[in-house]
Protein backbone atom coordinates (compact mmCIF):
# COMPACT_ATOMS: atom_id res chain seq x y z
CA UNK A 1 -1.30 2.97 -10.51
CA UNK A 2 -3.52 2.22 -13.48
CA UNK A 3 -6.36 0.43 -11.41
CA UNK A 4 -6.69 3.34 -9.52
CA UNK A 5 -8.17 5.98 -11.20
CA UNK A 6 -10.20 8.41 -9.14
CA UNK A 7 -8.29 10.17 -5.88
CA UNK A 8 -10.51 9.22 -2.69
CA UNK A 9 -9.36 10.34 0.55
CA UNK A 10 -11.15 11.17 3.92
CA UNK A 11 -10.65 9.79 7.30
CA UNK A 12 -12.88 6.98 8.90
CA UNK A 13 -13.15 7.62 12.08
CA UNK A 14 -11.57 5.45 15.11
CA UNK A 15 -12.02 4.79 18.96
CA UNK A 16 -8.15 3.13 19.28
CA UNK A 17 -8.53 -0.36 20.80
CA UNK A 18 -7.17 -0.80 24.27
CA UNK A 19 -4.83 -0.01 25.42
CA UNK A 20 -5.15 3.05 23.09
CA UNK A 21 -9.27 3.46 23.76
CA UNK A 22 -10.97 7.20 23.30
CA UNK A 23 -14.25 8.05 23.65
CA UNK A 24 -15.86 9.22 20.53
CA UNK A 25 -19.03 11.95 20.64
CA UNK A 26 -22.40 10.13 19.18
CA UNK A 27 -23.41 11.84 16.19
CA UNK A 28 -27.03 12.01 14.93
CA UNK A 29 -27.76 10.51 11.40
CA UNK A 30 -30.40 11.43 9.29
CA UNK A 31 -29.77 7.89 7.24
CA UNK A 32 -30.16 4.46 8.32
CA UNK A 33 -30.21 4.00 12.10
CA UNK A 34 -30.58 0.48 12.17
CA UNK A 35 -26.63 0.16 10.81
CA UNK A 36 -24.62 0.95 12.94
CA UNK A 37 -25.50 0.25 16.00
CA UNK A 38 -22.77 -0.68 17.84
CA UNK A 39 -18.89 -0.35 17.68
CA UNK A 40 -16.99 -1.01 14.66
CA UNK A 41 -14.04 -3.29 14.76
CA UNK A 42 -11.13 -1.83 12.35
CA UNK A 43 -8.15 -4.57 12.29
CA UNK A 44 -4.57 -3.23 11.13
CA UNK A 45 -2.69 -6.36 9.73
CA UNK A 46 0.24 -4.55 11.45
CA UNK A 47 2.05 -3.36 14.37
CA UNK A 48 1.38 0.16 15.74
CA UNK A 49 3.34 2.46 13.98
CA UNK A 50 3.65 0.67 10.84
CA UNK A 51 2.06 2.02 7.57
CA UNK A 52 -1.21 0.53 7.89
CA UNK A 53 -1.33 1.56 11.53
CA UNK A 54 -0.92 5.08 10.31
CA UNK A 55 -3.43 5.17 7.68
CA UNK A 56 -5.95 3.73 10.19
CA UNK A 57 -5.14 6.42 12.79
CA UNK A 58 -6.14 8.81 10.12
CA UNK A 59 -8.98 7.90 8.40
CA UNK A 60 -10.44 5.94 11.45
CA UNK A 61 -12.06 8.71 13.31
CA UNK A 62 -13.78 10.01 10.33
CA UNK A 63 -15.56 7.43 10.00
CA UNK A 64 -16.68 7.28 13.21
CA UNK A 65 -17.89 10.73 13.16
CA UNK A 66 -20.29 10.00 10.08
CA UNK A 67 -21.48 6.65 11.33
CA UNK A 68 -21.84 7.74 14.94
CA UNK A 69 -20.23 4.75 16.67
CA UNK A 70 -16.94 4.01 17.85
CA UNK A 71 -14.31 2.72 15.44
CA UNK A 72 -11.95 0.53 17.39
CA UNK A 73 -8.59 -0.10 15.69
CA UNK A 74 -7.42 -3.83 16.76
CA UNK A 75 -3.71 -4.21 15.72
CA UNK A 76 -2.84 -7.42 14.78
CA UNK A 77 0.48 -8.35 13.01
CA UNK A 78 2.63 -11.03 12.41
CA UNK A 79 3.62 -13.17 9.64
CA UNK A 80 3.69 -10.38 7.05
CA UNK A 81 0.07 -9.18 7.34
CA UNK A 82 -1.56 -12.14 7.29
CA UNK A 83 -2.10 -12.93 10.77
CA UNK A 84 -4.61 -9.77 10.73
CA UNK A 85 -6.31 -10.58 7.45
CA UNK A 86 -6.98 -14.21 8.00
CA UNK A 87 -8.61 -12.97 11.71
CA UNK A 88 -11.01 -10.93 9.59
CA UNK A 89 -11.71 -13.01 6.93
CA UNK A 90 -12.59 -15.61 9.36
CA UNK A 91 -15.13 -13.01 11.42
CA UNK A 92 -19.29 -12.92 11.29
CA UNK A 93 -20.30 -11.04 8.33
CA UNK A 94 -22.65 -8.42 9.91
CA UNK A 95 -20.79 -5.43 8.97
CA UNK A 96 -19.10 -4.53 12.14
CA UNK A 97 -15.53 -6.00 11.26
CA UNK A 98 -13.41 -4.19 8.40
CA UNK A 99 -9.91 -4.75 7.92
CA UNK A 100 -7.66 -2.24 5.86
CA UNK A 101 -5.66 -4.17 3.03
CA UNK A 102 -2.88 -3.48 1.63
CA UNK A 103 -0.11 -5.29 -1.18
CA UNK A 104 0.09 -8.79 0.97
CA UNK A 105 -3.38 -9.60 0.02
CA UNK A 106 -2.20 -10.20 -3.69
CA UNK A 107 1.30 -11.13 -2.95
CA UNK A 108 0.46 -13.54 -0.39
CA UNK A 109 -1.41 -16.40 -2.52
CA UNK A 110 2.01 -17.09 -4.47
CA UNK A 111 4.49 -16.58 -1.57
CA UNK A 112 2.87 -19.10 0.87
CA UNK A 113 2.19 -23.18 0.25
CA UNK A 114 -0.61 -22.67 3.22
CA UNK A 115 -2.61 -19.76 3.28
CA UNK A 116 -5.71 -19.98 5.50
CA UNK A 117 -7.97 -17.61 3.87
CA UNK A 118 -8.59 -16.58 -0.13
CA UNK A 119 -8.21 -12.49 -1.02
CA UNK A 120 -11.14 -12.96 -3.31
CA UNK A 121 -13.43 -15.68 -1.94
CA UNK A 122 -12.98 -14.68 1.42
CA UNK A 123 -13.88 -10.46 1.30
CA UNK A 124 -16.07 -8.10 -0.23
CA UNK A 125 -14.35 -4.90 -1.16
CA UNK A 126 -15.46 -1.66 -0.52
CA UNK A 127 -12.99 0.69 -1.66
CA UNK A 128 -9.86 1.80 -1.95
CA UNK A 129 -8.72 4.52 -0.01
CA UNK A 130 -5.07 5.57 -0.68
CA UNK A 131 -1.70 5.18 -2.34
CA UNK A 132 1.92 6.14 -2.04
CA UNK A 133 4.09 7.00 -5.17
CA UNK A 134 7.19 4.73 -5.09
CA UNK A 135 10.60 6.17 -6.97
CA UNK A 136 13.79 4.34 -8.38
CA UNK A 137 16.41 6.17 -6.33
CA UNK A 138 20.52 5.26 -6.79
CA UNK A 139 23.66 6.59 -4.91
CA UNK A 140 24.87 9.88 -6.01
CA UNK A 141 28.07 8.38 -6.97
CA UNK A 142 26.74 5.97 -9.37
CA UNK A 143 27.16 7.52 -12.72
CA UNK A 144 23.59 7.40 -14.10
CA UNK A 145 21.14 10.49 -14.29
CA UNK A 146 17.45 8.66 -15.18
CA UNK A 147 16.19 4.84 -15.50
CA UNK A 148 17.17 4.82 -18.96
CA UNK A 149 20.95 5.53 -18.03
CA UNK A 150 21.07 2.54 -15.14
CA UNK A 151 19.29 0.12 -17.74
CA UNK A 152 22.14 1.05 -20.29
CA UNK A 153 24.86 1.26 -17.58
CA UNK A 154 23.41 -2.38 -15.81
CA UNK A 155 23.37 -3.92 -19.51
CA UNK A 156 27.24 -3.32 -19.66
CA UNK A 157 27.91 -4.34 -16.11
CA UNK A 158 25.45 -7.57 -15.86
CA UNK A 159 25.82 -8.91 -12.44
CA UNK A 160 27.89 -5.74 -10.75
CA UNK A 161 24.60 -3.70 -9.86
CA UNK A 162 22.48 -4.22 -7.08
CA UNK A 163 19.34 -3.21 -5.70
CA UNK A 164 18.85 -3.31 -1.90
CA UNK A 165 15.14 -3.58 -0.61
CA UNK A 166 13.28 -4.10 3.20
CA UNK A 167 13.56 -7.98 2.69
CA UNK A 168 12.86 -11.13 0.76
CA UNK A 169 8.99 -11.02 -0.86
CA UNK A 170 8.28 -7.16 0.06
CA UNK A 171 6.98 -4.72 -2.16
CA UNK A 172 10.58 -2.98 -2.35
CA UNK A 173 11.57 -6.55 -3.33
CA UNK A 174 8.96 -7.26 -5.75
CA UNK A 175 9.03 -3.53 -7.84
CA UNK A 176 13.10 -4.53 -8.32
CA UNK A 177 12.36 -7.78 -9.60
CA UNK A 178 9.93 -5.94 -12.04
CA UNK A 179 12.35 -3.54 -12.99
CA UNK A 180 15.08 -6.70 -13.56
CA UNK A 181 12.40 -8.53 -15.85
CA UNK A 182 10.76 -5.49 -17.86
CA UNK A 183 14.47 -4.17 -18.59
CA UNK A 184 15.85 -7.63 -19.04
CA UNK A 185 18.85 -6.79 -17.05
CA UNK A 186 20.80 -8.65 -14.75
CA UNK A 187 21.04 -6.99 -11.35
CA UNK A 188 21.40 -8.45 -7.81
CA UNK A 189 18.83 -8.63 -5.09
CA UNK A 190 20.63 -7.44 -1.66
CA UNK A 191 17.67 -7.85 1.35
CA UNK A 192 17.61 -5.81 4.34
CA UNK A 193 15.64 -6.43 7.63
CA UNK A 194 13.60 -3.49 6.69
CA UNK A 195 13.40 -0.55 4.52
CA UNK A 196 14.49 2.09 7.18
CA UNK A 197 18.20 -0.03 7.14
CA UNK A 198 17.87 -0.60 3.18
CA UNK A 199 17.68 3.35 2.41
CA UNK A 200 20.72 3.67 5.30
CA UNK A 201 22.51 0.97 2.97
CA UNK A 202 21.94 2.66 -0.20
CA UNK A 203 22.84 6.26 1.50
CA UNK A 204 26.05 4.67 2.35
CA UNK A 205 26.81 3.50 -1.03
CA UNK A 206 26.42 -0.36 0.20
CA UNK A 207 24.31 -0.31 -2.47
CA UNK A 208 23.39 0.97 -5.86
CA UNK A 209 19.54 1.21 -6.19
CA UNK A 210 16.12 1.07 -4.00
CA UNK A 211 12.47 1.39 -4.94
CA UNK A 212 10.97 3.31 -2.41
CA UNK A 213 7.76 5.26 -0.94
CA UNK A 214 8.08 8.83 -1.39
CA UNK A 215 7.74 9.73 2.18
CA UNK A 216 10.87 7.85 2.75
CA UNK A 217 12.78 9.09 0.03
CA UNK A 218 11.80 12.56 0.71
CA UNK A 219 14.46 13.83 3.37
CA UNK A 220 17.33 11.96 1.74
CA UNK A 221 16.58 13.57 -1.42
CA UNK A 222 16.53 16.70 -0.14
CA UNK A 223 19.88 16.09 1.61
CA UNK A 224 21.45 15.11 -1.58
CA UNK A 225 22.23 12.07 0.02
CA UNK A 226 20.15 10.21 -3.12
CA UNK A 227 19.26 10.68 -6.45
CA UNK A 228 15.76 9.86 -7.45
CA UNK A 229 15.82 9.02 -11.32
CA UNK A 230 12.26 7.76 -11.87
CA UNK A 231 8.36 7.54 -10.48
CA UNK A 232 6.90 4.60 -10.91
CA UNK A 233 3.39 6.03 -11.72
CA UNK A 234 1.21 7.25 -15.29
CA UNK A 235 2.45 10.96 -13.92
CA UNK A 236 5.25 12.42 -13.05
CA UNK A 237 4.82 14.14 -9.32
CA UNK A 238 3.38 17.78 -8.20
CA UNK A 239 5.91 17.35 -5.62
CA UNK A 240 9.06 16.18 -8.02
CA UNK A 241 8.19 17.61 -11.29
CA UNK A 242 11.86 16.98 -12.54
CA UNK A 243 11.71 13.80 -11.89
CA UNK A 244 10.71 11.15 -15.01
CA UNK A 245 7.84 8.49 -15.10
CA UNK A 246 9.11 4.99 -16.07
CA UNK A 247 7.08 5.52 -19.23
CA UNK A 248 8.90 8.01 -20.33
CA UNK A 249 12.41 6.18 -19.79
CA UNK A 250 10.51 3.73 -22.60
CA UNK A 251 9.81 0.81 -19.57
CA UNK A 252 5.69 0.26 -19.89
CA UNK A 253 4.18 -1.48 -16.76
CA UNK A 254 5.92 -0.29 -14.37
CA UNK A 255 3.43 1.28 -12.65
CA UNK A 256 3.58 -0.01 -8.91
CA UNK A 257 2.02 2.04 -6.04
CA UNK A 258 1.85 1.25 -2.40
CA UNK A 259 -2.02 0.98 -1.71
CA UNK A 260 -4.30 0.69 0.81
CA UNK A 261 -8.36 -0.28 0.96
CA UNK A 262 -11.07 -1.21 3.09
CA UNK A 263 -12.90 -4.72 2.82
CA UNK A 264 -15.56 -6.30 4.55
CA UNK A 265 -15.65 -10.56 5.19
CA UNK A 266 -17.72 -12.48 2.46
CA UNK A 267 -21.35 -12.41 2.98
CA UNK A 268 -21.59 -8.64 4.29
CA UNK A 269 -24.55 -7.14 3.18
CA UNK A 270 -24.86 -5.42 0.19
CA UNK A 271 -26.46 -2.22 1.97
CA UNK A 272 -23.48 -2.52 4.66
CA UNK A 273 -21.25 -2.30 1.81
CA UNK A 274 -22.75 0.48 -0.35
CA UNK A 275 -23.13 2.71 3.05
CA UNK A 276 -19.39 2.07 3.95
CA UNK A 277 -18.23 2.92 0.57
CA UNK A 278 -20.93 6.06 0.52
CA UNK A 279 -19.16 7.18 3.62
CA UNK A 280 -16.04 7.34 2.58
CA UNK A 281 -16.57 8.73 -0.36
CA UNK A 282 -18.23 11.52 1.50
CA UNK A 283 -15.07 11.56 3.46
CA UNK A 284 -12.71 12.04 0.94
CA UNK A 285 -14.35 15.20 -0.42
CA UNK A 286 -13.82 17.01 2.86
CA UNK A 287 -11.73 19.90 2.64
CA UNK A 288 -9.12 18.32 5.91
CA UNK A 289 -8.96 14.96 4.31
CA UNK A 290 -6.66 15.67 1.88
CA UNK A 291 -4.38 17.62 3.83
CA UNK A 292 -4.07 15.35 6.35
CA UNK A 293 -3.20 12.52 4.49
CA UNK A 294 -0.73 14.34 2.13
CA UNK A 295 1.27 15.27 5.49
CA UNK A 296 1.33 11.52 6.23
CA UNK A 297 2.43 11.36 2.32
CA UNK A 298 -0.69 9.54 0.97
CA UNK A 299 -2.57 10.31 -1.53
CA UNK A 300 -6.44 9.91 -0.73
CA UNK A 301 -8.42 7.66 -3.49
CA UNK A 302 -12.14 5.79 -4.16
CA UNK A 303 -13.16 3.40 -6.26
CA UNK A 304 -16.31 1.15 -6.26
CA UNK A 305 -16.45 -2.34 -4.78
CA UNK A 306 -16.31 -3.70 -8.26
CA UNK A 307 -13.42 -1.74 -9.08
CA UNK A 308 -11.62 -2.75 -5.99
CA UNK A 309 -12.58 -6.46 -7.16
CA UNK A 310 -11.12 -5.91 -10.40
CA UNK A 311 -7.95 -4.42 -9.20
CA UNK A 312 -7.17 -7.26 -6.60
CA UNK A 313 -7.60 -9.96 -9.17
CA UNK A 314 -5.35 -8.42 -11.67
CA UNK A 315 -2.49 -7.48 -9.23
CA UNK A 316 -2.86 -11.30 -7.98
CA UNK A 317 -2.03 -12.44 -11.51
CA UNK A 318 0.57 -9.33 -11.95
CA UNK A 319 2.66 -10.15 -8.71
CA UNK A 320 2.17 -14.07 -9.50
CA UNK A 321 3.96 -13.98 -12.32
CA UNK A 322 6.93 -11.62 -11.22
CA UNK A 323 7.23 -13.97 -7.68
CA UNK A 324 7.56 -17.08 -10.57
CA UNK A 325 9.82 -15.44 -12.68
CA UNK A 326 12.06 -14.21 -9.82
CA UNK A 327 11.92 -17.61 -8.31
CA UNK A 328 11.13 -16.80 -4.91
CA UNK A 329 10.56 -19.85 -2.60
CA UNK A 330 7.45 -20.18 -1.14
CA UNK A 331 6.90 -19.95 2.88
CA UNK A 332 5.74 -22.87 4.69
């Protein structure tokens, strides 16, 4: 993703919240001993076992070790992640509540008529922490071998090519709509209840195309059940060196990666934000961080708080246009 320029990764420790609470050994710090002086609440805007949950379970324990205090994971799913995000927005800005943000933060302002938080005004960004690259997959029987051929085929068969997703207004849906807009093609959206059945629909031939993350895409690619025709990033992936980027196919501005970042409630003292940012940067440089995150299909990442803030603002504008152009109805 263009706005994500530095690699960052390393874990942020965690005492998993009830019923998954652990004791974590205390670590003596030579730096500021006034913060933290008690456990830190780490809100996960999603269910146990979801993507955000998996990220926190990796980075939480490492942050706890660095800070010398338990980091307690708290799953607050619902409303596409907005319930957990709202809870975090209204928490005291004292450095003892952080939240893992992701795409919902930048799409919800255009999707919900009544959103009980402002992703810019109600949060202080700390750092981007990870991203997941997306691929364009097609069913093996579709007579195209690359993105350029897919676009040509769709133009020759308007309205006859469909793309599936994990549901209306999900990241997989919006990425498909962005491709549709940039390539000026008429393809039909077929939503499923989640990404897993959508991928199964593609493999079974019920759908022609999907945009989905590398971790989910890799097994069916290796099994020959789907064909990867483009990666939506600036560069080709080391794990899939023969899959070209969208830009190589002549489509600019189709860089779409899943991302995760750390945020605190607005008004959190700058010295605390700087401390958390610095610890994350130290964590991402540790040898085992990259390994753990890559094993989970994540690319470790870091940024300054300012860079993360700029990224959020740009993504809100970007997806607002996609949502408007696709005539996606607002949610009450």
